[in-house]
Structures are given as structure tokens and as C-alpha cells.
Amino acid sequence: MLDAATMTECTEPVETDLNEFDRMLTDSLRGDSPLITSIARHLLKTRGKRIRPAFVFLSSRAINAFNEHSVSASLAIELIHTATLLHDDVIDESDLRRGQETVNAQWTNLISVLMGDYLFAKAFRILVGTESMELMAAVSNATERVSVGELRQIEETGNYSLSEDEYLSIIADKTASLFTVSCETGSILAKRSVRERQRFAQFGEKIGIAFQIADDLLDFVGDPELTGKEPGNDVMTGKVTLPLIHSLKKVGKATRNEILKSLKEESYEASFEKVHKFVTENGGIEYAYKKAERLSSQGLEAISPVEDSIYFESLANLVEYATRRAS
């Protein structure tokens, strides 16, 4: 797994932008009520690596499209992402995220849901300030796609007949949609050509899918001290991801039924050990790695006409960071 130092190195050219993002994030979460302030402090302690804002800034600067609304746009996108995580933790009944207690665990499910709603509302109020109807439309579409992806993932829980195409469609909505709008934000705000916007949207979509595949791989190969959850937690609770989909497709009915039985057993550790061995021996982990790498390459190819610069180079490095976290 790649470390925070690598992430810092990837984003060095936009460090000033990220610092301004941090300042605006802190300001935006301050003070509407003592409870909101307490939850905000907790969220700021456990925030992630700012991957989406970094994609906004590097993509924008790579085409000289950074402007006075870029940081606000990145903030709105990150608030929407954070809101989805708060709702996810309630749905999954999670107690930990990034090694820290979740909002629903420290407070209640109701407070976590309402805080998520608050962040959604604040995000769209910030977007109004950009005075870009195109950006508001793009972020609204992305947010709708996130909801569709979440609902479909719940609907397909425990569906071990899920195809690879169906899985990719779900994670494209659930995860890639916010990467897509992050990467096309610069083109939208600078009112660039439709073709340029499409290139960066395609780039974000491919990278976002690859990012989620890498995230799903952590369920099989991740270090619990870094991921904040035990390996196998997803697969043993019915989440069907690419390593398992590929492996199940390769075996006969008898072996498939045996593995499905293990997935439904209550003896967690022994069952996951068997499932992990099955997925490894049938090439599921290797297949998922290669799929993520192919998608990353396709994403970078989509923006290959962009002139080389420190921003483009850092963007390519960030892609590698984001999609090889499980290696």
C-alpha cells in the first residue's frame, strides 16, 4: 500500500491550492450549532487524503483553467463525498472509518444521517456561488449517480451471479461519478470546448472505476491498521467485487457451490481464509490488479493531447497512487 508521503509528493505542485481548500473546509464546517461544530472537528480529524480536490486542481492547472471558483467547486464535491460516507456508515453499521470511530458510532445513526443531509445542502449552496449552471448540473448529475450506485449495490448484496459488467456499472455510478465531475470542473468553469470537457470526463470516469477496484482489492490484501477494517469484511457480508466475480466465473458448479456455502457460514475467520485462498488461486486478485491498470492507462490516453507540464506529470503520478494502493 502506498503511503501518505507518496500522495504529498504527487500533489506538491498544487500544495497552495490544497492549503486553501483545507482553510475553506474548516471555515465551512464551523459554527452553525455546537453539535455541528463537534461533529465537524471529528470529521476533520479523520479526513482522507483529498484525492478529489487534488484531481480538480491538477486537471484544471494542466489546461490553464484554474480560476477563482476552482477551490469552491472542489470543496462542494468533497462535502458531497463526505456526506455519502456518513450515510454509508449508517447503512453498513460501521464503527470505524480510517481507524477512527464513525459519527454514527460516537453519536447516533440519526445524527449521522442528518449531518450528511446538512453537508449536501451546504455543498449546493457553495456551488451557487460559482455562478455556473453547467457545473451545478454536472455535480447534480454526479450526486444522483452516486445515489443510484449505492442503491444498486445494496440491491445486489449477496447476488453471486452478478456479472463483471454489472459490477463495473455500479462502481461507475457509486465512485467514478465524483471523479468524473472533479476532472471536468476546470473545463466547465473556464468554458472550454465540449471536446476538452469530454476528454477530462472520460479520464475521470476511467480513473474512478480503477480507484474503486483498488479499494475493493484492499478487502483481500489490505493492512487493517491502515484501512481501519478487517480484511474480508466486505466479501463476507455479501459485497460482490471483481476478484470474486472473476474467480467464480472460472470454476465448475461443485466448486462454486462450496465457496458460496463458505460465504454464508458464520465462522468468519475460517470461511474468509478459504474464500481468500480460492480467489488467489483462481487469479481473481491478479485479474483485478490488471483491470485497474488497464483502466488507468485508458484514462491517461484520453487526455494525452494535453501539453506536458509539471501538473500533467503529477496527474499521471496521482493516477498511479490512487489505483495501486493495494499493491
C-alpha atoms as a PDB file:
ATOM      1  CA  MET A   1       0.000   0.000   0.000  1.00  0.00           C
ATOM      2  CA  LEU A   2       1.355   3.417  -0.952  1.00  0.00           C
ATOM      3  CA  ASP A   3       1.835   5.897   1.879  1.00  0.00           C
ATOM      4  CA  ALA A   4       0.855   9.490   2.617  1.00  0.00           C
ATOM      5  CA  ALA A   5       4.340  10.713   1.703  1.00  0.00           C
ATOM      6  CA  THR A   6       3.802   9.468  -1.850  1.00  0.00           C
ATOM      7  CA  MET A   7       0.481  11.305  -2.011  1.00  0.00           C
ATOM      8  CA  THR A   8       2.170  14.519  -0.817  1.00  0.00           C
ATOM      9  CA  GLU A   9       4.844  14.159  -3.485  1.00  0.00           C
ATOM     10  CA  CYS A  10       2.173  13.653  -6.186  1.00  0.00           C
ATOM     11  CA  THR A  11       0.306  16.813  -5.191  1.00  0.00           C
ATOM     12  CA  GLU A  12       3.255  19.120  -4.490  1.00  0.00           C
ATOM     13  CA  PRO A  13       2.561  21.419  -7.487  1.00  0.00           C
ATOM     14  CA  VAL A  14      -0.900  22.234  -6.094  1.00  0.00           C
ATOM     15  CA  GLU A  15       0.053  22.371  -2.412  1.00  0.00           C
ATOM     16  CA  THR A  16      -1.039  26.031  -2.197  1.00  0.00           C
ATOM     17  CA  ASP A  17      -4.440  25.137  -3.666  1.00  0.00           C
ATOM     18  CA  LEU A  18      -4.845  22.254  -1.222  1.00  0.00           C
ATOM     19  CA  ASN A  19      -3.933  24.516   1.703  1.00  0.00           C
ATOM     20  CA  GLU A  20      -6.617  26.970   0.600  1.00  0.00           C
ATOM     21  CA  PHE A  21      -9.037  24.050   0.284  1.00  0.00           C
ATOM     22  CA  ASP A  22      -8.212  22.991   3.873  1.00  0.00           C
ATOM     23  CA  ARG A  23      -8.825  26.532   5.126  1.00  0.00           C
ATOM     24  CA  MET A  24     -12.171  26.780   3.343  1.00  0.00           C
ATOM     25  CA  LEU A  25     -13.183  23.305   4.532  1.00  0.00           C
ATOM     26  CA  THR A  26     -12.504  24.240   8.153  1.00  0.00           C
ATOM     27  CA  ASP A  27     -14.382  27.538   7.767  1.00  0.00           C
ATOM     28  CA  SER A  28     -17.366  25.890   6.064  1.00  0.00           C
ATOM     29  CA  LEU A  29     -17.825  23.402   8.911  1.00  0.00           C
ATOM     30  CA  ARG A  30     -17.573  25.949  11.691  1.00  0.00           C
ATOM     31  CA  GLY A  31     -20.304  27.137  13.923  1.00  0.00           C
ATOM     32  CA  ASP A  32     -23.904  26.644  12.771  1.00  0.00           C
ATOM     33  CA  SER A  33     -24.529  24.850  16.102  1.00  0.00           C
ATOM     34  CA  PRO A  34     -22.390  23.363  18.906  1.00  0.00           C
ATOM     35  CA  LEU A  35     -23.322  19.849  17.769  1.00  0.00           C
ATOM     36  CA  ILE A  36     -22.325  20.536  14.150  1.00  0.00           C
ATOM     37  CA  THR A  37     -19.059  22.069  15.367  1.00  0.00           C
ATOM     38  CA  SER A  38     -18.283  18.956  17.445  1.00  0.00           C
ATOM     39  CA  ILE A  39     -19.024  16.609  14.544  1.00  0.00           C
ATOM     40  CA  ALA A  40     -17.034  18.830  12.169  1.00  0.00           C
ATOM     41  CA  ARG A  41     -13.979  18.635  14.442  1.00  0.00           C
ATOM     42  CA  HIS A  42     -14.334  14.857  14.450  1.00  0.00           C
ATOM     43  CA  LEU A  43     -14.620  14.732  10.644  1.00  0.00           C
ATOM     44  CA  LEU A  44     -11.597  16.981  10.191  1.00  0.00           C
ATOM     45  CA  LYS A  45      -9.543  14.625  12.395  1.00  0.00           C
ATOM     46  CA  THR A  46     -10.422  11.644  10.208  1.00  0.00           C
ATOM     47  CA  ARG A  47     -10.483  13.253   6.769  1.00  0.00           C
ATOM     48  CA  GLY A  48      -8.947  11.418   3.845  1.00  0.00           C
ATOM     49  CA  LYS A  49      -6.113  12.311   1.520  1.00  0.00           C
ATOM     50  CA  ARG A  50      -8.035  14.933  -0.528  1.00  0.00           C
ATOM     51  CA  ILE A  51      -7.795  12.913  -3.720  1.00  0.00           C
ATOM     52  CA  ARG A  52     -10.809  14.527  -5.414  1.00  0.00           C
ATOM     53  CA  PRO A  53      -9.682  18.110  -4.722  1.00  0.00           C
ATOM     54  CA  ALA A  54      -6.221  17.156  -5.993  1.00  0.00           C
ATOM     55  CA  PHE A  55      -7.762  15.905  -9.242  1.00  0.00           C
ATOM     56  CA  VAL A  56      -9.737  19.164  -9.561  1.00  0.00           C
ATOM     57  CA  PHE A  57      -6.615  21.290  -9.123  1.00  0.00           C
ATOM     58  CA  LEU A  58      -4.184  19.244 -11.218  1.00  0.00           C
ATOM     59  CA  SER A  59      -6.679  18.784 -14.068  1.00  0.00           C
ATOM     60  CA  SER A  60      -7.527  22.488 -14.044  1.00  0.00           C
ATOM     61  CA  ARG A  61      -3.929  23.694 -13.942  1.00  0.00           C
ATOM     62  CA  ALA A  62      -2.825  21.179 -16.579  1.00  0.00           C
ATOM     63  CA  ILE A  63      -5.006  23.069 -19.092  1.00  0.00           C
ATOM     64  CA  ASN A  64      -4.508  26.533 -17.553  1.00  0.00           C
ATOM     65  CA  ALA A  65      -8.158  26.604 -16.443  1.00  0.00           C
ATOM     66  CA  PHE A  66      -7.781  27.254 -12.708  1.00  0.00           C
ATOM     67  CA  ASN A  67      -9.822  30.277 -11.587  1.00  0.00           C
ATOM     68  CA  GLU A  68     -11.350  31.970  -8.534  1.00  0.00           C
ATOM     69  CA  HIS A  69     -14.117  29.350  -8.277  1.00  0.00           C
ATOM     70  CA  SER A  70     -11.936  26.226  -8.516  1.00  0.00           C
ATOM     71  CA  VAL A  71     -11.409  25.805  -4.769  1.00  0.00           C
ATOM     72  CA  SER A  72     -15.103  26.358  -4.032  1.00  0.00           C
ATOM     73  CA  ALA A  73     -16.012  23.725  -6.628  1.00  0.00           C
ATOM     74  CA  SER A  74     -13.582  21.228  -5.104  1.00  0.00           C
ATOM     75  CA  LEU A  75     -14.996  21.951  -1.642  1.00  0.00           C
ATOM     76  CA  ALA A  76     -18.556  21.268  -2.790  1.00  0.00           C
ATOM     77  CA  ILE A  77     -17.522  17.964  -4.366  1.00  0.00           C
ATOM     78  CA  GLU A  78     -15.637  16.892  -1.231  1.00  0.00           C
ATOM     79  CA  LEU A  79     -18.574  17.791   1.033  1.00  0.00           C
ATOM     80  CA  ILE A  80     -20.848  15.635  -1.131  1.00  0.00           C
ATOM     81  CA  HIS A  81     -18.344  12.778  -0.901  1.00  0.00           C
ATOM     82  CA  THR A  82     -18.166  13.167   2.898  1.00  0.00           C
ATOM     83  CA  ALA A  83     -21.962  13.184   3.120  1.00  0.00           C
ATOM     84  CA  THR A  84     -22.124   9.871   1.233  1.00  0.00           C
ATOM     85  CA  LEU A  85     -19.598   8.376   3.676  1.00  0.00           C
ATOM     86  CA  LEU A  86     -21.730   9.408   6.652  1.00  0.00           C
ATOM     87  CA  HIS A  87     -24.743   7.722   5.081  1.00  0.00           C
ATOM     88  CA  ASP A  88     -22.633   4.672   4.105  1.00  0.00           C
ATOM     89  CA  ASP A  89     -21.519   4.162   7.695  1.00  0.00           C
ATOM     90  CA  VAL A  90     -25.149   4.053   8.827  1.00  0.00           C
ATOM     91  CA  ILE A  91     -26.099   1.608   6.080  1.00  0.00           C
ATOM     92  CA  ASP A  92     -23.092  -0.623   6.813  1.00  0.00           C
ATOM     93  CA  GLU A  93     -23.455  -0.223  10.587  1.00  0.00           C
ATOM     94  CA  SER A  94     -19.743   0.678  10.648  1.00  0.00           C
ATOM     95  CA  ASP A  95     -17.991   1.563  13.888  1.00  0.00           C
ATOM     96  CA  LEU A  96     -14.670   2.608  12.350  1.00  0.00           C
ATOM     97  CA  ARG A  97     -13.533   4.620   9.347  1.00  0.00           C
ATOM     98  CA  ARG A  98      -9.841   5.240   8.687  1.00  0.00           C
ATOM     99  CA  GLY A  99      -9.129   3.756  12.098  1.00  0.00           C
ATOM    100  CA  GLN A 100     -11.338   6.271  13.935  1.00  0.00           C
ATOM    101  CA  GLU A 101     -14.794   5.951  15.419  1.00  0.00           C
ATOM    102  CA  THR A 102     -17.544   6.812  12.930  1.00  0.00           C
ATOM    103  CA  VAL A 103     -20.055   9.610  13.540  1.00  0.00           C
ATOM    104  CA  ASN A 104     -22.894   7.107  13.906  1.00  0.00           C
ATOM    105  CA  ALA A 105     -20.872   5.161  16.493  1.00  0.00           C
ATOM    106  CA  GLN A 106     -19.850   8.214  18.521  1.00  0.00           C
ATOM    107  CA  TRP A 107     -23.259   9.919  18.263  1.00  0.00           C
ATOM    108  CA  THR A 108     -26.244   8.133  16.648  1.00  0.00           C
ATOM    109  CA  ASN A 109     -27.456   6.932  13.258  1.00  0.00           C
ATOM    110  CA  LEU A 110     -29.981   9.764  13.162  1.00  0.00           C
ATOM    111  CA  ILE A 111     -27.306  12.407  13.749  1.00  0.00           C
ATOM    112  CA  SER A 112     -25.054  10.837  11.102  1.00  0.00           C
ATOM    113  CA  VAL A 113     -27.843  10.906   8.502  1.00  0.00           C
ATOM    114  CA  LEU A 114     -28.828  14.488   9.335  1.00  0.00           C
ATOM    115  CA  MET A 115     -25.194  15.631   9.247  1.00  0.00           C
ATOM    116  CA  GLY A 116     -24.904  14.063   5.815  1.00  0.00           C
ATOM    117  CA  ASP A 117     -28.012  15.963   4.709  1.00  0.00           C
ATOM    118  CA  TYR A 118     -26.503  19.170   6.106  1.00  0.00           C
ATOM    119  CA  LEU A 119     -23.309  18.636   4.089  1.00  0.00           C
ATOM    120  CA  PHE A 120     -25.306  18.002   0.886  1.00  0.00           C
ATOM    121  CA  ALA A 121     -27.213  21.263   1.402  1.00  0.00           C
ATOM    122  CA  LYS A 122     -24.037  23.223   2.164  1.00  0.00           C
ATOM    123  CA  ALA A 123     -22.322  21.797  -0.930  1.00  0.00           C
ATOM    124  CA  PHE A 124     -25.042  23.025  -3.251  1.00  0.00           C
ATOM    125  CA  ARG A 125     -25.126  26.446  -1.574  1.00  0.00           C
ATOM    126  CA  ILE A 126     -21.379  26.708  -2.280  1.00  0.00           C
ATOM    127  CA  LEU A 127     -21.973  25.689  -5.905  1.00  0.00           C
ATOM    128  CA  VAL A 128     -24.462  28.531  -6.355  1.00  0.00           C
ATOM    129  CA  GLY A 129     -21.577  30.902  -5.599  1.00  0.00           C
ATOM    130  CA  THR A 130     -19.649  29.660  -8.647  1.00  0.00           C
ATOM    131  CA  GLU A 131     -22.404  31.131 -10.847  1.00  0.00           C
ATOM    132  CA  SER A 132     -22.005  28.201 -13.237  1.00  0.00           C
ATOM    133  CA  MET A 133     -25.221  26.424 -14.162  1.00  0.00           C
ATOM    134  CA  GLU A 134     -23.160  23.894 -16.123  1.00  0.00           C
ATOM    135  CA  LEU A 135     -21.152  22.975 -13.058  1.00  0.00           C
ATOM    136  CA  MET A 136     -24.264  22.761 -10.886  1.00  0.00           C
ATOM    137  CA  ALA A 137     -25.854  20.482 -13.495  1.00  0.00           C
ATOM    138  CA  ALA A 138     -22.738  18.291 -13.670  1.00  0.00           C
ATOM    139  CA  VAL A 139     -22.435  17.965  -9.873  1.00  0.00           C
ATOM    140  CA  SER A 140     -26.191  17.311  -9.544  1.00  0.00           C
ATOM    141  CA  ASN A 141     -25.922  14.550 -12.130  1.00  0.00           C
ATOM    142  CA  ALA A 142     -22.910  13.051 -10.346  1.00  0.00           C
ATOM    143  CA  THR A 143     -24.725  13.138  -6.990  1.00  0.00           C
ATOM    144  CA  GLU A 144     -27.743  11.402  -8.500  1.00  0.00           C
ATOM    145  CA  ARG A 145     -25.444   8.745  -9.947  1.00  0.00           C
ATOM    146  CA  VAL A 146     -23.861   8.180  -6.517  1.00  0.00           C
ATOM    147  CA  SER A 147     -27.312   7.514  -5.062  1.00  0.00           C
ATOM    148  CA  VAL A 148     -28.194   5.136  -7.894  1.00  0.00           C
ATOM    149  CA  GLY A 149     -24.916   3.262  -7.405  1.00  0.00           C
ATOM    150  CA  GLU A 150     -25.459   2.961  -3.654  1.00  0.00           C
ATOM    151  CA  LEU A 151     -28.987   1.632  -4.129  1.00  0.00           C
ATOM    152  CA  ARG A 152     -27.879  -0.840  -6.771  1.00  0.00           C
ATOM    153  CA  GLN A 153     -25.029  -2.079  -4.581  1.00  0.00           C
ATOM    154  CA  ILE A 154     -27.479  -2.744  -1.755  1.00  0.00           C
ATOM    155  CA  GLU A 155     -29.876  -4.413  -4.175  1.00  0.00           C
ATOM    156  CA  GLU A 156     -27.110  -6.726  -5.415  1.00  0.00           C
ATOM    157  CA  THR A 157     -25.780  -7.672  -1.961  1.00  0.00           C
ATOM    158  CA  GLY A 158     -25.343 -11.434  -1.887  1.00  0.00           C
ATOM    159  CA  ASN A 159     -26.028 -11.785  -5.630  1.00  0.00           C
ATOM    160  CA  TYR A 160     -23.182 -14.096  -6.584  1.00  0.00           C
ATOM    161  CA  SER A 161     -24.413 -14.216 -10.172  1.00  0.00           C
ATOM    162  CA  LEU A 162     -23.502 -10.537 -10.614  1.00  0.00           C
ATOM    163  CA  SER A 163     -21.586 -10.075 -13.876  1.00  0.00           C
ATOM    164  CA  GLU A 164     -18.406  -8.060 -14.316  1.00  0.00           C
ATOM    165  CA  ASP A 165     -20.230  -5.521 -16.495  1.00  0.00           C
ATOM    166  CA  GLU A 166     -22.924  -5.050 -13.853  1.00  0.00           C
ATOM    167  CA  TYR A 167     -20.274  -4.599 -11.157  1.00  0.00           C
ATOM    168  CA  LEU A 168     -18.412  -2.017 -13.261  1.00  0.00           C
ATOM    169  CA  SER A 169     -21.660  -0.145 -13.924  1.00  0.00           C
ATOM    170  CA  ILE A 170     -22.414   0.021 -10.186  1.00  0.00           C
ATOM    171  CA  ILE A 171     -18.983   1.342  -9.203  1.00  0.00           C
ATOM    172  CA  ALA A 172     -19.005   3.793 -12.134  1.00  0.00           C
ATOM    173  CA  ASP A 173     -22.093   5.377 -10.560  1.00  0.00           C
ATOM    174  CA  LYS A 174     -21.122   4.946  -6.908  1.00  0.00           C
ATOM    175  CA  THR A 175     -17.495   6.105  -7.099  1.00  0.00           C
ATOM    176  CA  ALA A 176     -16.403   7.237 -10.555  1.00  0.00           C
ATOM    177  CA  SER A 177     -19.153   9.850 -10.929  1.00  0.00           C
ATOM    178  CA  LEU A 178     -17.494  12.244  -8.444  1.00  0.00           C
ATOM    179  CA  PHE A 179     -14.073  11.647 -10.030  1.00  0.00           C
ATOM    180  CA  THR A 180     -15.611  12.470 -13.407  1.00  0.00           C
ATOM    181  CA  VAL A 181     -17.005  15.815 -12.305  1.00  0.00           C
ATOM    182  CA  SER A 182     -13.775  16.595 -10.407  1.00  0.00           C
ATOM    183  CA  CYS A 183     -11.727  16.178 -13.563  1.00  0.00           C
ATOM    184  CA  GLU A 184     -14.068  18.127 -15.843  1.00  0.00           C
ATOM    185  CA  THR A 185     -14.541  21.026 -13.403  1.00  0.00           C
ATOM    186  CA  GLY A 186     -11.684  23.064 -14.899  1.00  0.00           C
ATOM    187  CA  SER A 187     -13.051  22.749 -18.424  1.00  0.00           C
ATOM    188  CA  ILE A 188     -16.554  23.668 -17.249  1.00  0.00           C
ATOM    189  CA  LEU A 189     -15.550  26.744 -15.238  1.00  0.00           C
ATOM    190  CA  ALA A 190     -13.224  28.020 -17.983  1.00  0.00           C
ATOM    191  CA  LYS A 191     -15.936  27.396 -20.617  1.00  0.00           C
ATOM    192  CA  ARG A 192     -13.646  25.305 -22.773  1.00  0.00           C
ATOM    193  CA  SER A 193     -14.660  23.194 -25.775  1.00  0.00           C
ATOM    194  CA  VAL A 194     -17.076  20.300 -25.448  1.00  0.00           C
ATOM    195  CA  ARG A 195     -14.323  18.003 -26.721  1.00  0.00           C
ATOM    196  CA  GLU A 196     -11.908  19.031 -23.968  1.00  0.00           C
ATOM    197  CA  ARG A 197     -14.569  18.583 -21.312  1.00  0.00           C
ATOM    198  CA  GLN A 198     -15.414  15.129 -22.700  1.00  0.00           C
ATOM    199  CA  ARG A 199     -11.739  14.111 -22.621  1.00  0.00           C
ATOM    200  CA  PHE A 200     -11.432  15.002 -18.951  1.00  0.00           C
ATOM    201  CA  ALA A 201     -14.788  13.437 -18.098  1.00  0.00           C
ATOM    202  CA  GLN A 202     -13.654  10.180 -19.725  1.00  0.00           C
ATOM    203  CA  PHE A 203     -10.352  10.427 -17.850  1.00  0.00           C
ATOM    204  CA  GLY A 204     -12.157  10.856 -14.516  1.00  0.00           C
ATOM    205  CA  GLU A 205     -14.588   8.024 -15.213  1.00  0.00           C
ATOM    206  CA  LYS A 206     -11.823   5.514 -16.013  1.00  0.00           C
ATOM    207  CA  ILE A 207      -9.689   6.582 -13.051  1.00  0.00           C
ATOM    208  CA  GLY A 208     -12.652   6.498 -10.681  1.00  0.00           C
ATOM    209  CA  ILE A 209     -13.541   2.937 -11.664  1.00  0.00           C
ATOM    210  CA  ALA A 210      -9.908   1.876 -11.284  1.00  0.00           C
ATOM    211  CA  PHE A 211      -9.801   3.585  -7.877  1.00  0.00           C
ATOM    212  CA  GLN A 212     -12.808   1.578  -6.652  1.00  0.00           C
ATOM    213  CA  ILE A 213     -11.373  -1.700  -7.950  1.00  0.00           C
ATOM    214  CA  ALA A 214      -8.196  -0.919  -5.977  1.00  0.00           C
ATOM    215  CA  ASP A 215     -10.338  -0.109  -2.928  1.00  0.00           C
ATOM    216  CA  ASP A 216     -12.193  -3.407  -3.261  1.00  0.00           C
ATOM    217  CA  LEU A 217      -8.871  -5.236  -3.518  1.00  0.00           C
ATOM    218  CA  LEU A 218      -7.935  -3.903  -0.075  1.00  0.00           C
ATOM    219  CA  ASP A 219     -10.636  -6.189   1.324  1.00  0.00           C
ATOM    220  CA  PHE A 220      -8.404  -9.104   0.308  1.00  0.00           C
ATOM    221  CA  VAL A 221      -4.887  -7.685   0.710  1.00  0.00           C
ATOM    222  CA  GLY A 222      -5.200  -4.576   2.908  1.00  0.00           C
ATOM    223  CA  ASP A 223      -3.454  -3.952   6.214  1.00  0.00           C
ATOM    224  CA  PRO A 224      -6.200  -3.433   8.848  1.00  0.00           C
ATOM    225  CA  GLU A 225      -4.030  -0.894  10.686  1.00  0.00           C
ATOM    226  CA  LEU A 226      -4.067   1.277   7.561  1.00  0.00           C
ATOM    227  CA  THR A 227      -7.539   0.553   6.195  1.00  0.00           C
ATOM    228  CA  GLY A 228      -9.293   0.694   9.576  1.00  0.00           C
ATOM    229  CA  LYS A 229     -11.193  -2.549   8.998  1.00  0.00           C
ATOM    230  CA  GLU A 230     -10.509  -6.263   8.981  1.00  0.00           C
ATOM    231  CA  PRO A 231      -9.757  -7.990   5.668  1.00  0.00           C
ATOM    232  CA  GLY A 232     -12.770  -9.872   4.332  1.00  0.00           C
ATOM    233  CA  ASN A 233     -15.310  -7.597   5.961  1.00  0.00           C
ATOM    234  CA  ASP A 234     -16.892  -6.691   2.608  1.00  0.00           C
ATOM    235  CA  VAL A 235     -16.884 -10.064   0.889  1.00  0.00           C
ATOM    236  CA  MET A 236     -18.123 -11.912   3.990  1.00  0.00           C
ATOM    237  CA  THR A 237     -21.090  -9.545   4.329  1.00  0.00           C
ATOM    238  CA  GLY A 238     -22.292 -10.110   0.783  1.00  0.00           C
ATOM    239  CA  LYS A 239     -20.485  -7.400  -1.157  1.00  0.00           C
ATOM    240  CA  VAL A 240     -19.641  -8.914  -4.526  1.00  0.00           C
ATOM    241  CA  THR A 241     -16.488  -7.444  -6.083  1.00  0.00           C
ATOM    242  CA  LEU A 242     -14.280  -8.120  -9.099  1.00  0.00           C
ATOM    243  CA  PRO A 243     -11.801 -10.654  -7.596  1.00  0.00           C
ATOM    244  CA  LEU A 244     -14.694 -12.900  -6.530  1.00  0.00           C
ATOM    245  CA  ILE A 245     -16.719 -12.363  -9.728  1.00  0.00           C
ATOM    246  CA  HIS A 246     -13.758 -13.398 -11.885  1.00  0.00           C
ATOM    247  CA  SER A 247     -12.899 -16.420  -9.728  1.00  0.00           C
ATOM    248  CA  LEU A 248     -16.468 -17.758  -9.594  1.00  0.00           C
ATOM    249  CA  LYS A 249     -16.682 -17.495 -13.384  1.00  0.00           C
ATOM    250  CA  LYS A 250     -13.659 -19.770 -13.796  1.00  0.00           C
ATOM    251  CA  VAL A 251     -14.823 -22.804 -11.786  1.00  0.00           C
ATOM    252  CA  GLY A 252     -17.407 -25.550 -12.113  1.00  0.00           C
ATOM    253  CA  LYS A 253     -20.717 -25.822 -10.299  1.00  0.00           C
ATOM    254  CA  ALA A 254     -19.458 -28.031  -7.445  1.00  0.00           C
ATOM    255  CA  THR A 255     -16.572 -25.715  -6.517  1.00  0.00           C
ATOM    256  CA  ARG A 256     -18.805 -22.665  -6.895  1.00  0.00           C
ATOM    257  CA  ASN A 257     -21.413 -24.131  -4.528  1.00  0.00           C
ATOM    258  CA  GLU A 258     -18.710 -24.983  -1.992  1.00  0.00           C
ATOM    259  CA  ILE A 259     -17.418 -21.393  -1.997  1.00  0.00           C
ATOM    260  CA  LEU A 260     -20.931 -19.956  -1.795  1.00  0.00           C
ATOM    261  CA  LYS A 261     -21.537 -22.123   1.240  1.00  0.00           C
ATOM    262  CA  SER A 262     -18.381 -20.696   2.877  1.00  0.00           C
ATOM    263  CA  LEU A 263     -19.548 -17.153   2.132  1.00  0.00           C
ATOM    264  CA  LYS A 264     -22.763 -17.794   4.044  1.00  0.00           C
ATOM    265  CA  GLU A 265     -21.230 -19.548   7.058  1.00  0.00           C
ATOM    266  CA  GLU A 266     -20.962 -17.853  10.434  1.00  0.00           C
ATOM    267  CA  SER A 267     -17.383 -18.950  11.151  1.00  0.00           C
ATOM    268  CA  TYR A 268     -15.860 -15.746   9.779  1.00  0.00           C
ATOM    269  CA  GLU A 269     -12.096 -16.357  10.002  1.00  0.00           C
ATOM    270  CA  ALA A 270     -12.067 -19.920   8.663  1.00  0.00           C
ATOM    271  CA  SER A 271     -14.531 -19.053   5.917  1.00  0.00           C
ATOM    272  CA  PHE A 272     -12.646 -15.964   4.748  1.00  0.00           C
ATOM    273  CA  GLU A 273      -9.365 -17.883   4.722  1.00  0.00           C
ATOM    274  CA  LYS A 274     -10.980 -20.409   2.372  1.00  0.00           C
ATOM    275  CA  VAL A 275     -12.506 -17.681   0.174  1.00  0.00           C
ATOM    276  CA  HIS A 276      -9.213 -15.766   0.075  1.00  0.00           C
ATOM    277  CA  LYS A 277      -7.310 -18.882  -0.995  1.00  0.00           C
ATOM    278  CA  PHE A 278      -9.937 -19.623  -3.666  1.00  0.00           C
ATOM    279  CA  VAL A 279      -9.774 -16.092  -5.102  1.00  0.00           C
ATOM    280  CA  THR A 280      -5.962 -16.063  -5.077  1.00  0.00           C
ATOM    281  CA  GLU A 281      -5.574 -19.482  -6.705  1.00  0.00           C
ATOM    282  CA  ASN A 282      -8.088 -18.638  -9.423  1.00  0.00           C
ATOM    283  CA  GLY A 283      -6.356 -15.401 -10.343  1.00  0.00           C
ATOM    284  CA  GLY A 284      -9.053 -13.063  -9.063  1.00  0.00           C
ATOM    285  CA  ILE A 285      -6.661 -10.695  -7.300  1.00  0.00           C
ATOM    286  CA  GLU A 286      -4.210 -10.564 -10.204  1.00  0.00           C
ATOM    287  CA  TYR A 287      -7.080 -10.050 -12.661  1.00  0.00           C
ATOM    288  CA  ALA A 288      -8.431  -7.100 -10.653  1.00  0.00           C
ATOM    289  CA  TYR A 289      -4.954  -5.514 -10.460  1.00  0.00           C
ATOM    290  CA  LYS A 290      -4.583  -5.744 -14.235  1.00  0.00           C
ATOM    291  CA  LYS A 291      -8.096  -4.409 -14.851  1.00  0.00           C
ATOM    292  CA  ALA A 292      -7.349  -1.350 -12.710  1.00  0.00           C
ATOM    293  CA  GLU A 293      -4.059  -0.801 -14.567  1.00  0.00           C
ATOM    294  CA  ARG A 294      -5.757  -1.044 -17.982  1.00  0.00           C
ATOM    295  CA  LEU A 295      -8.432   1.438 -16.983  1.00  0.00           C
ATOM    296  CA  SER A 296      -5.784   3.840 -15.664  1.00  0.00           C
ATOM    297  CA  SER A 297      -3.905   3.645 -18.961  1.00  0.00           C
ATOM    298  CA  GLN A 298      -7.115   4.271 -20.913  1.00  0.00           C
ATOM    299  CA  GLY A 299      -7.874   7.275 -18.717  1.00  0.00           C
ATOM    300  CA  LEU A 300      -4.457   8.829 -19.294  1.00  0.00           C
ATOM    301  CA  GLU A 301      -4.751   8.118 -23.013  1.00  0.00           C
ATOM    302  CA  ALA A 302      -7.983  10.141 -23.102  1.00  0.00           C
ATOM    303  CA  ILE A 303      -6.092  13.298 -22.057  1.00  0.00           C
ATOM    304  CA  SER A 304      -2.878  12.554 -23.978  1.00  0.00           C
ATOM    305  CA  PRO A 305      -3.365  15.623 -26.249  1.00  0.00           C
ATOM    306  CA  VAL A 306      -2.805  17.860 -23.196  1.00  0.00           C
ATOM    307  CA  GLU A 307       0.574  19.581 -23.261  1.00  0.00           C
ATOM    308  CA  ASP A 308       3.183  18.137 -20.905  1.00  0.00           C
ATOM    309  CA  SER A 309       3.784  20.093 -17.684  1.00  0.00           C
ATOM    310  CA  ILE A 310       4.523  19.563 -14.006  1.00  0.00           C
ATOM    311  CA  TYR A 311       0.760  19.408 -13.472  1.00  0.00           C
ATOM    312  CA  PHE A 312       0.213  16.746 -16.118  1.00  0.00           C
ATOM    313  CA  GLU A 313       3.149  14.729 -14.768  1.00  0.00           C
ATOM    314  CA  SER A 314       1.767  14.970 -11.236  1.00  0.00           C
ATOM    315  CA  LEU A 315      -1.673  13.979 -12.526  1.00  0.00           C
ATOM    316  CA  ALA A 316      -0.169  10.802 -14.014  1.00  0.00           C
ATOM    317  CA  ASN A 317       1.639  10.086 -10.735  1.00  0.00           C
ATOM    318  CA  LEU A 318      -1.572  10.657  -8.772  1.00  0.00           C
ATOM    319  CA  VAL A 319      -3.356   8.160 -11.027  1.00  0.00           C
ATOM    320  CA  GLU A 320      -0.727   5.562 -10.162  1.00  0.00           C
ATOM    321  CA  TYR A 321      -1.057   6.390  -6.461  1.00  0.00           C
ATOM    322  CA  ALA A 322      -4.849   6.183  -6.500  1.00  0.00           C
ATOM    323  CA  THR A 323      -5.101   2.925  -8.429  1.00  0.00           C
ATOM    324  CA  ARG A 324      -2.155   0.957  -6.992  1.00  0.00           C
ATOM    325  CA  ARG A 325      -2.924   1.430  -3.287  1.00  0.00           C
ATOM    326  CA  ALA A 326      -3.474  -2.296  -2.880  1.00  0.00           C
ATOM    327  CA  SER A 327      -0.086  -3.249  -4.339  1.00  0.00           C
END
